[in-house]
Every structure is written in structure tokens, then in C-alpha cells.
Protein backbone atom coordinates (compact mmCIF):
# COMPACT_ATOMS: atom_id res chain seq x y z
CA UNK A 1 127.35 101.56 130.24
CA UNK A 2 130.84 103.61 130.80
CA UNK A 3 131.01 107.17 129.91
CA UNK A 4 133.45 106.82 127.59
CA UNK A 5 131.35 104.13 125.44
CA UNK A 6 128.51 106.63 125.66
CA UNK A 7 130.46 109.42 124.27
CA UNK A 8 131.63 107.22 121.32
CA UNK A 9 127.68 106.80 120.47
CA UNK A 10 127.19 110.62 120.26
CA UNK A 11 130.57 111.27 118.36
CA UNK A 12 129.33 111.95 114.78
CA UNK A 13 132.78 111.17 113.45
CA UNK A 14 132.35 107.62 114.91
CA UNK A 15 130.32 104.57 113.32
CA UNK A 16 128.55 103.21 116.42
CA UNK A 17 127.21 99.49 116.14
CA UNK A 18 123.55 98.90 115.84
CA UNK A 19 123.36 96.84 118.70
CA UNK A 20 125.25 99.48 120.88
CA UNK A 21 122.63 101.83 119.98
CA UNK A 22 119.92 99.67 120.67
CA UNK A 23 121.36 99.02 124.39
CA UNK A 24 121.57 102.97 124.94
CA UNK A 25 118.36 103.69 123.71
CA UNK A 26 116.82 100.70 125.93
CA UNK A 27 118.18 102.07 128.92
CA UNK A 28 116.56 105.38 128.56
CA UNK A 29 112.98 103.31 127.70
CA UNK A 30 112.92 103.76 123.75
CA UNK A 31 113.30 101.57 121.10
CA UNK A 32 115.02 102.02 117.86
CA UNK A 33 112.58 101.33 114.69
CA UNK A 34 113.97 100.96 111.07
CA UNK A 35 111.41 101.32 108.06
CA UNK A 36 112.14 100.85 104.38
CA UNK A 37 109.87 103.11 102.44
CA UNK A 38 109.96 104.03 98.31
CA UNK A 39 112.19 107.03 97.79
CA UNK A 40 109.50 109.20 96.30
CA UNK A 41 107.29 108.92 99.61
CA UNK A 42 110.18 109.91 101.47
CA UNK A 43 111.76 112.80 99.33
CA UNK A 44 109.68 115.74 99.71
CA UNK A 45 108.57 117.05 96.08
CA UNK A 46 110.08 120.15 94.95
CA UNK A 47 108.29 123.11 95.82
CA UNK A 48 107.52 125.97 92.98
CA UNK A 49 109.86 129.31 94.09
CA UNK A 50 107.72 132.17 95.44
CA UNK A 51 106.57 134.69 93.09
CA UNK A 52 108.25 138.01 93.38
């Protein structure tokens, strides 16, 4: 991968295509995994405020 392409993957103001991210991760020996879960499992329940 050209350095300019790698720079784009880490630029938070640019959208990277999923296949580009997958190729970059594969070059590092990693795999991208996507999972769909119900929102109530993802969002932590609010904790009560500590007593003063």
C-alpha cells in the first residue's frame, strides 16, 4: 500500500472504504469483524450518581 493511501486510512476526516480497511488489516495479520447486537446490550445502563 502506498504511504498516501495508508495516511487516508488514519485520517478521521476521510471515509475509508471497508475493503481498503480489510486489506490494510490483513497486511498486519488482522481481520475486521462486524457484529449486530440489540442496542440494550451495547449501551451501558446508567450508573447512579455517587452519594455525597
